[in-house]
Amino acid sequence: MTDEQALFSVRDVELRTLDPHRADVLASLCEIIVPGSERVAPVVYVDAVLGFMPGPQQEAVKASIDALEQPLAGGEEALEPVALTPEFQLVRALCVEAYYSDFVAPGAPGPGAYEEIDFASPLAMRIKKDWSYLGVAG
């Protein structure tokens, strides 16, 4: 991690749905699920998406994060036995979507997924990403 990356933390942004503890757990899960994703702050994306979900779905995501906290404490290997559970699959889908949608949170150092995987097709390069519909200004 570079000094620039070390300066960014999910605690630097105002989250609407996740409390700081869950945000930290989710950030760790995202980094294990999509290595390197911490530099785009996927938690900001997931938090914004959660804000549009009905209450029961929000609670399901929060419960999934909570269910994975204990295995996460044992490291990547301890997550293997829960990798096929609905809780892990839900969190995994959100982490992957956050990163591979090419989201980069305001203030996060990036680069985004498109640059990292060299997804530079002419059509992809014409896309103007606007995350304002999520309430995330850049």
N, C-alpha and C. Protein backbone atom coordinates (compact mmCIF):
# COMPACT_ATOMS: atom_id res chain seq x y z
N MET A 1 0.85 -1.18 0.00
CA MET A 1 0.00 0.00 0.00
C MET A 1 0.89 1.24 0.00
N THR A 2 0.58 2.18 -0.86
CA THR A 2 1.37 3.40 -0.94
C THR A 2 0.92 4.37 0.14
N ASP A 3 1.71 5.42 0.35
CA ASP A 3 1.33 6.43 1.34
C ASP A 3 0.01 7.08 0.98
N GLU A 4 -0.21 7.32 -0.33
CA GLU A 4 -1.46 7.95 -0.76
C GLU A 4 -2.65 7.06 -0.40
N GLN A 5 -2.52 5.74 -0.63
CA GLN A 5 -3.59 4.82 -0.30
C GLN A 5 -3.81 4.76 1.20
N ALA A 6 -2.74 4.82 1.96
CA ALA A 6 -2.86 4.73 3.41
C ALA A 6 -3.61 5.93 3.98
N LEU A 7 -3.64 7.05 3.26
CA LEU A 7 -4.32 8.24 3.75
C LEU A 7 -5.84 8.14 3.63
N PHE A 8 -6.34 7.22 2.81
CA PHE A 8 -7.78 7.10 2.62
C PHE A 8 -8.33 6.02 3.53
N SER A 9 -9.46 6.30 4.12
CA SER A 9 -10.13 5.34 4.98
C SER A 9 -11.62 5.51 4.80
N VAL A 10 -12.38 4.42 4.92
CA VAL A 10 -13.83 4.55 4.82
C VAL A 10 -14.36 5.45 5.93
N ARG A 11 -13.60 5.63 6.95
CA ARG A 11 -14.03 6.53 8.03
C ARG A 11 -13.93 7.99 7.60
N ASP A 12 -13.28 8.23 6.44
CA ASP A 12 -13.16 9.59 5.92
C ASP A 12 -14.42 10.05 5.18
N VAL A 13 -15.34 9.13 4.93
CA VAL A 13 -16.55 9.49 4.20
C VAL A 13 -17.77 9.24 5.09
N GLU A 14 -18.82 9.96 4.78
CA GLU A 14 -20.05 9.79 5.54
C GLU A 14 -20.87 8.66 4.92
N LEU A 15 -21.05 7.61 5.69
CA LEU A 15 -21.85 6.49 5.22
C LEU A 15 -23.28 6.68 5.69
N ARG A 16 -24.22 6.23 4.88
CA ARG A 16 -25.64 6.44 5.19
C ARG A 16 -26.30 5.24 5.84
N THR A 17 -25.80 4.06 5.59
CA THR A 17 -26.49 2.85 6.02
C THR A 17 -25.67 2.01 6.98
N LEU A 18 -24.39 1.89 6.72
CA LEU A 18 -23.52 1.04 7.53
C LEU A 18 -22.91 1.83 8.69
N ASP A 19 -22.85 1.19 9.84
CA ASP A 19 -22.14 1.80 10.96
C ASP A 19 -20.64 1.58 10.74
N PRO A 20 -19.79 2.32 11.43
CA PRO A 20 -18.34 2.21 11.19
C PRO A 20 -17.78 0.80 11.37
N HIS A 21 -18.29 0.07 12.36
CA HIS A 21 -17.77 -1.29 12.59
C HIS A 21 -18.09 -2.20 11.41
N ARG A 22 -19.34 -2.21 10.97
CA ARG A 22 -19.72 -3.04 9.82
C ARG A 22 -18.97 -2.59 8.57
N ALA A 23 -18.77 -1.30 8.42
CA ALA A 23 -18.03 -0.80 7.26
C ALA A 23 -16.61 -1.35 7.26
N ASP A 24 -15.98 -1.40 8.42
CA ASP A 24 -14.62 -1.95 8.52
C ASP A 24 -14.61 -3.45 8.18
N VAL A 25 -15.60 -4.18 8.70
CA VAL A 25 -15.69 -5.62 8.40
C VAL A 25 -15.89 -5.81 6.90
N LEU A 26 -16.82 -5.04 6.32
CA LEU A 26 -17.08 -5.15 4.89
C LEU A 26 -15.84 -4.80 4.08
N ALA A 27 -15.12 -3.78 4.48
CA ALA A 27 -13.90 -3.39 3.76
C ALA A 27 -12.90 -4.55 3.74
N SER A 28 -12.76 -5.22 4.87
CA SER A 28 -11.85 -6.37 4.94
C SER A 28 -12.34 -7.52 4.07
N LEU A 29 -13.64 -7.76 4.09
CA LEU A 29 -14.20 -8.82 3.25
C LEU A 29 -13.99 -8.50 1.77
N CYS A 30 -14.26 -7.26 1.38
CA CYS A 30 -14.07 -6.87 -0.02
C CYS A 30 -12.62 -7.06 -0.46
N GLU A 31 -11.69 -6.73 0.41
CA GLU A 31 -10.27 -6.85 0.06
C GLU A 31 -9.87 -8.31 -0.11
N ILE A 32 -10.45 -9.19 0.68
CA ILE A 32 -10.15 -10.62 0.51
C ILE A 32 -10.83 -11.17 -0.74
N ILE A 33 -12.06 -10.76 -0.97
CA ILE A 33 -12.83 -11.27 -2.11
C ILE A 33 -12.30 -10.71 -3.43
N VAL A 34 -11.97 -9.43 -3.45
CA VAL A 34 -11.43 -8.78 -4.65
C VAL A 34 -10.14 -8.08 -4.24
N PRO A 35 -9.02 -8.82 -4.23
CA PRO A 35 -7.76 -8.23 -3.78
C PRO A 35 -7.43 -6.94 -4.54
N GLY A 36 -7.06 -5.92 -3.78
CA GLY A 36 -6.72 -4.63 -4.36
C GLY A 36 -7.89 -3.66 -4.43
N SER A 37 -9.09 -4.14 -4.10
CA SER A 37 -10.26 -3.28 -4.23
C SER A 37 -10.30 -2.16 -3.20
N GLU A 38 -9.54 -2.29 -2.13
CA GLU A 38 -9.59 -1.25 -1.09
C GLU A 38 -9.24 0.13 -1.63
N ARG A 39 -8.47 0.20 -2.69
CA ARG A 39 -8.07 1.51 -3.22
C ARG A 39 -9.20 2.24 -3.94
N VAL A 40 -10.36 1.57 -4.16
CA VAL A 40 -11.51 2.25 -4.75
C VAL A 40 -12.62 2.47 -3.72
N ALA A 41 -12.42 2.00 -2.49
CA ALA A 41 -13.39 2.12 -1.40
C ALA A 41 -14.75 1.53 -1.78
N PRO A 42 -14.80 0.22 -2.03
CA PRO A 42 -16.06 -0.41 -2.41
C PRO A 42 -17.15 -0.28 -1.35
N VAL A 43 -16.77 -0.06 -0.12
CA VAL A 43 -17.76 0.10 0.95
C VAL A 43 -18.66 1.31 0.68
N VAL A 44 -18.11 2.35 0.10
CA VAL A 44 -18.90 3.54 -0.22
C VAL A 44 -19.99 3.18 -1.23
N TYR A 45 -19.64 2.39 -2.23
CA TYR A 45 -20.61 1.94 -3.23
C TYR A 45 -21.68 1.07 -2.58
N VAL A 46 -21.26 0.06 -1.82
CA VAL A 46 -22.21 -0.85 -1.19
C VAL A 46 -23.14 -0.09 -0.25
N ASP A 47 -22.60 0.82 0.51
CA ASP A 47 -23.42 1.63 1.42
C ASP A 47 -24.47 2.42 0.64
N ALA A 48 -24.08 2.99 -0.48
CA ALA A 48 -25.02 3.77 -1.29
C ALA A 48 -26.11 2.87 -1.88
N VAL A 49 -25.73 1.70 -2.37
CA VAL A 49 -26.70 0.76 -2.92
C VAL A 49 -27.67 0.30 -1.83
N LEU A 50 -27.13 0.04 -0.64
CA LEU A 50 -27.98 -0.36 0.48
C LEU A 50 -29.05 0.68 0.78
N GLY A 51 -28.72 1.93 0.61
CA GLY A 51 -29.66 3.01 0.88
C GLY A 51 -30.90 2.96 0.01
N PHE A 52 -30.83 2.27 -1.13
CA PHE A 52 -31.98 2.14 -2.03
C PHE A 52 -32.75 0.84 -1.82
N MET A 53 -32.21 -0.03 -0.99
CA MET A 53 -32.88 -1.31 -0.75
C MET A 53 -33.97 -1.14 0.30
N PRO A 54 -35.05 -1.91 0.17
CA PRO A 54 -36.06 -1.92 1.23
C PRO A 54 -35.45 -2.44 2.54
N GLY A 55 -36.05 -2.06 3.64
CA GLY A 55 -35.54 -2.42 4.96
C GLY A 55 -35.17 -3.89 5.13
N PRO A 56 -36.03 -4.83 4.73
CA PRO A 56 -35.68 -6.24 4.93
C PRO A 56 -34.40 -6.65 4.17
N GLN A 57 -34.20 -6.12 2.97
CA GLN A 57 -32.99 -6.44 2.22
C GLN A 57 -31.76 -5.80 2.87
N GLN A 58 -31.92 -4.57 3.35
CA GLN A 58 -30.81 -3.93 4.08
C GLN A 58 -30.41 -4.79 5.27
N GLU A 59 -31.40 -5.23 6.00
CA GLU A 59 -31.11 -6.05 7.19
C GLU A 59 -30.47 -7.37 6.81
N ALA A 60 -30.86 -7.95 5.68
CA ALA A 60 -30.24 -9.20 5.22
C ALA A 60 -28.76 -8.99 4.90
N VAL A 61 -28.44 -7.87 4.27
CA VAL A 61 -27.03 -7.59 3.97
C VAL A 61 -26.25 -7.36 5.26
N LYS A 62 -26.81 -6.59 6.16
CA LYS A 62 -26.12 -6.34 7.44
C LYS A 62 -25.93 -7.64 8.22
N ALA A 63 -26.94 -8.49 8.22
CA ALA A 63 -26.83 -9.78 8.92
C ALA A 63 -25.77 -10.66 8.26
N SER A 64 -25.66 -10.57 6.94
CA SER A 64 -24.63 -11.34 6.23
C SER A 64 -23.24 -10.87 6.61
N ILE A 65 -23.05 -9.57 6.69
CA ILE A 65 -21.75 -9.02 7.12
C ILE A 65 -21.45 -9.49 8.53
N ASP A 66 -22.44 -9.40 9.40
CA ASP A 66 -22.26 -9.83 10.80
C ASP A 66 -21.90 -11.32 10.86
N ALA A 67 -22.56 -12.15 10.04
CA ALA A 67 -22.31 -13.59 10.06
C ALA A 67 -20.90 -13.93 9.61
N LEU A 68 -20.31 -13.08 8.80
CA LEU A 68 -18.97 -13.36 8.28
C LEU A 68 -17.86 -12.76 9.14
N GLU A 69 -18.22 -11.97 10.13
CA GLU A 69 -17.20 -11.31 10.95
C GLU A 69 -16.33 -12.32 11.69
N GLN A 70 -16.94 -13.30 12.31
CA GLN A 70 -16.15 -14.27 13.07
C GLN A 70 -15.23 -15.10 12.17
N PRO A 71 -15.73 -15.67 11.08
CA PRO A 71 -14.79 -16.38 10.19
C PRO A 71 -13.69 -15.46 9.65
N LEU A 72 -14.03 -14.22 9.36
CA LEU A 72 -13.04 -13.26 8.85
C LEU A 72 -11.89 -13.08 9.84
N ALA A 73 -12.20 -13.13 11.12
CA ALA A 73 -11.15 -12.96 12.14
C ALA A 73 -10.08 -14.04 12.02
N GLY A 74 -10.44 -15.19 11.45
CA GLY A 74 -9.47 -16.27 11.25
C GLY A 74 -8.70 -16.18 9.96
N GLY A 75 -8.95 -15.14 9.18
CA GLY A 75 -8.23 -14.93 7.93
C GLY A 75 -8.91 -15.58 6.75
N GLU A 76 -8.28 -15.44 5.62
CA GLU A 76 -8.85 -15.92 4.36
C GLU A 76 -9.21 -17.41 4.41
N GLU A 77 -8.33 -18.21 4.99
CA GLU A 77 -8.56 -19.65 5.06
C GLU A 77 -9.82 -19.97 5.87
N ALA A 78 -10.10 -19.20 6.90
CA ALA A 78 -11.27 -19.44 7.74
C ALA A 78 -12.57 -19.10 7.03
N LEU A 79 -12.49 -18.34 5.94
CA LEU A 79 -13.69 -18.03 5.16
C LEU A 79 -14.04 -19.16 4.19
N GLU A 80 -13.10 -20.03 3.88
CA GLU A 80 -13.36 -21.10 2.92
C GLU A 80 -14.57 -21.96 3.28
N PRO A 81 -14.74 -22.38 4.54
CA PRO A 81 -15.91 -23.22 4.86
C PRO A 81 -17.26 -22.50 4.69
N VAL A 82 -17.27 -21.19 4.67
CA VAL A 82 -18.53 -20.45 4.52
C VAL A 82 -18.69 -19.84 3.12
N ALA A 83 -17.78 -20.17 2.23
CA ALA A 83 -17.77 -19.54 0.91
C ALA A 83 -19.02 -19.84 0.08
N LEU A 84 -19.70 -20.92 0.35
CA LEU A 84 -20.89 -21.26 -0.44
C LEU A 84 -22.19 -20.94 0.30
N THR A 85 -22.08 -20.25 1.42
CA THR A 85 -23.30 -19.88 2.16
C THR A 85 -23.98 -18.70 1.48
N PRO A 86 -25.27 -18.56 1.68
CA PRO A 86 -25.97 -17.39 1.11
C PRO A 86 -25.38 -16.07 1.61
N GLU A 87 -24.94 -16.03 2.85
CA GLU A 87 -24.38 -14.80 3.40
C GLU A 87 -23.11 -14.39 2.66
N PHE A 88 -22.23 -15.35 2.45
CA PHE A 88 -20.98 -15.03 1.74
C PHE A 88 -21.28 -14.65 0.30
N GLN A 89 -22.15 -15.39 -0.35
CA GLN A 89 -22.46 -15.12 -1.76
C GLN A 89 -23.08 -13.74 -1.94
N LEU A 90 -23.92 -13.31 -1.00
CA LEU A 90 -24.51 -11.97 -1.07
C LEU A 90 -23.44 -10.89 -0.94
N VAL A 91 -22.59 -11.03 0.05
CA VAL A 91 -21.51 -10.06 0.25
C VAL A 91 -20.55 -10.09 -0.94
N ARG A 92 -20.24 -11.28 -1.42
CA ARG A 92 -19.34 -11.41 -2.57
C ARG A 92 -19.91 -10.67 -3.78
N ALA A 93 -21.19 -10.85 -4.05
CA ALA A 93 -21.80 -10.19 -5.21
C ALA A 93 -21.69 -8.67 -5.09
N LEU A 94 -21.91 -8.14 -3.91
CA LEU A 94 -21.83 -6.69 -3.71
C LEU A 94 -20.39 -6.19 -3.86
N CYS A 95 -19.44 -6.92 -3.33
CA CYS A 95 -18.03 -6.51 -3.43
C CYS A 95 -17.56 -6.54 -4.88
N VAL A 96 -17.92 -7.58 -5.60
CA VAL A 96 -17.52 -7.70 -7.00
C VAL A 96 -18.18 -6.59 -7.83
N GLU A 97 -19.47 -6.36 -7.61
CA GLU A 97 -20.17 -5.30 -8.34
C GLU A 97 -19.53 -3.94 -8.07
N ALA A 98 -19.20 -3.69 -6.80
CA ALA A 98 -18.62 -2.41 -6.43
C ALA A 98 -17.31 -2.17 -7.19
N TYR A 99 -16.49 -3.18 -7.27
CA TYR A 99 -15.19 -3.01 -7.92
C TYR A 99 -15.29 -3.02 -9.45
N TYR A 100 -15.93 -4.04 -9.99
CA TYR A 100 -15.92 -4.20 -11.44
C TYR A 100 -16.90 -3.31 -12.18
N SER A 101 -17.67 -2.52 -11.46
CA SER A 101 -18.48 -1.50 -12.13
C SER A 101 -17.61 -0.29 -12.44
N ASP A 102 -16.36 -0.33 -12.00
CA ASP A 102 -15.36 0.72 -12.20
C ASP A 102 -15.62 1.92 -11.31
N PHE A 103 -16.26 1.67 -10.18
CA PHE A 103 -16.51 2.71 -9.20
C PHE A 103 -15.20 3.07 -8.49
N VAL A 104 -14.98 4.36 -8.28
CA VAL A 104 -13.90 4.86 -7.44
C VAL A 104 -14.52 5.94 -6.57
N ALA A 105 -14.52 5.72 -5.27
CA ALA A 105 -15.14 6.67 -4.35
C ALA A 105 -14.39 8.00 -4.37
N PRO A 106 -15.12 9.10 -4.16
CA PRO A 106 -14.45 10.40 -4.06
C PRO A 106 -13.39 10.34 -2.96
N GLY A 107 -12.19 10.74 -3.30
CA GLY A 107 -11.09 10.73 -2.33
C GLY A 107 -10.28 9.45 -2.32
N ALA A 108 -10.80 8.39 -2.93
CA ALA A 108 -10.05 7.13 -2.98
C ALA A 108 -8.98 7.25 -4.07
N PRO A 109 -7.82 6.64 -3.84
CA PRO A 109 -6.72 6.81 -4.78
C PRO A 109 -6.88 6.09 -6.11
N GLY A 110 -7.72 5.02 -6.18
CA GLY A 110 -7.84 4.28 -7.43
C GLY A 110 -6.55 3.57 -7.77
N PRO A 111 -6.35 3.09 -8.94
CA PRO A 111 -7.21 3.24 -10.10
C PRO A 111 -8.41 2.32 -10.02
N GLY A 112 -9.37 2.57 -10.90
CA GLY A 112 -10.54 1.72 -10.99
C GLY A 112 -10.24 0.43 -11.72
N ALA A 113 -11.21 -0.45 -11.74
CA ALA A 113 -11.03 -1.77 -12.35
C ALA A 113 -10.72 -1.69 -13.84
N TYR A 114 -11.39 -0.80 -14.57
CA TYR A 114 -11.17 -0.74 -16.01
C TYR A 114 -9.70 -0.48 -16.33
N GLU A 115 -9.11 0.44 -15.62
CA GLU A 115 -7.70 0.75 -15.85
C GLU A 115 -6.82 -0.42 -15.42
N GLU A 116 -7.14 -1.00 -14.27
CA GLU A 116 -6.30 -2.07 -13.75
C GLU A 116 -6.30 -3.31 -14.65
N ILE A 117 -7.46 -3.65 -15.21
CA ILE A 117 -7.51 -4.84 -16.06
C ILE A 117 -7.32 -4.49 -17.53
N ASP A 118 -7.00 -3.23 -17.80
CA ASP A 118 -6.76 -2.74 -19.15
C ASP A 118 -7.97 -2.96 -20.06
N PHE A 119 -9.12 -2.60 -19.52
CA PHE A 119 -10.37 -2.68 -20.28
C PHE A 119 -10.52 -1.36 -20.99
N ALA A 120 -9.83 -1.26 -22.12
CA ALA A 120 -9.76 0.02 -22.82
C ALA A 120 -10.32 -0.08 -24.24
N SER A 121 -11.39 -0.83 -24.38
CA SER A 121 -11.99 -0.90 -25.70
C SER A 121 -12.57 0.48 -26.04
N PRO A 122 -12.72 0.79 -27.33
CA PRO A 122 -13.25 2.12 -27.69
C PRO A 122 -14.61 2.41 -27.06
N LEU A 123 -15.49 1.42 -26.99
CA LEU A 123 -16.80 1.65 -26.36
C LEU A 123 -16.66 1.90 -24.86
N ALA A 124 -15.83 1.14 -24.20
CA ALA A 124 -15.65 1.31 -22.75
C ALA A 124 -15.06 2.69 -22.44
N MET A 125 -14.19 3.16 -23.29
CA MET A 125 -13.55 4.45 -23.04
C MET A 125 -14.52 5.62 -23.24
N ARG A 126 -15.62 5.40 -23.95
CA ARG A 126 -16.60 6.46 -24.17
C ARG A 126 -17.58 6.59 -23.00
N ILE A 127 -17.57 5.61 -22.11
CA ILE A 127 -18.50 5.64 -20.98
C ILE A 127 -18.11 6.77 -20.03
N LYS A 128 -19.06 7.60 -19.73
CA LYS A 128 -18.86 8.67 -18.74
C LYS A 128 -19.58 8.24 -17.46
N LYS A 129 -18.81 7.83 -16.49
CA LYS A 129 -19.40 7.32 -15.26
C LYS A 129 -19.94 8.46 -14.40
N ASP A 130 -21.17 8.28 -14.00
CA ASP A 130 -21.84 9.28 -13.17
C ASP A 130 -22.52 8.53 -12.03
N TRP A 131 -21.97 8.67 -10.86
CA TRP A 131 -22.49 7.94 -9.70
C TRP A 131 -23.49 8.79 -8.92
N SER A 132 -23.93 9.89 -9.49
CA SER A 132 -24.83 10.78 -8.75
C SER A 132 -26.15 10.10 -8.41
N TYR A 133 -26.57 9.13 -9.22
CA TYR A 133 -27.83 8.43 -8.90
C TYR A 133 -27.72 7.67 -7.58
N LEU A 134 -26.51 7.39 -7.14
CA LEU A 134 -26.29 6.76 -5.85
C LEU A 134 -26.13 7.78 -4.72
N GLY A 135 -26.08 9.04 -5.10
CA GLY A 135 -25.83 10.06 -4.08
C GLY A 135 -24.36 10.18 -3.72
N VAL A 136 -23.51 9.67 -4.60
CA VAL A 136 -22.06 9.71 -4.38
C VAL A 136 -21.48 10.70 -5.39
N ALA A 137 -21.08 11.83 -4.91
CA ALA A 137 -20.51 12.86 -5.79
C ALA A 137 -19.01 12.69 -5.88
N GLY A 138 -18.48 12.99 -7.03
CA GLY A 138 -17.05 12.82 -7.22
C GLY A 138 -16.32 14.03 -7.56
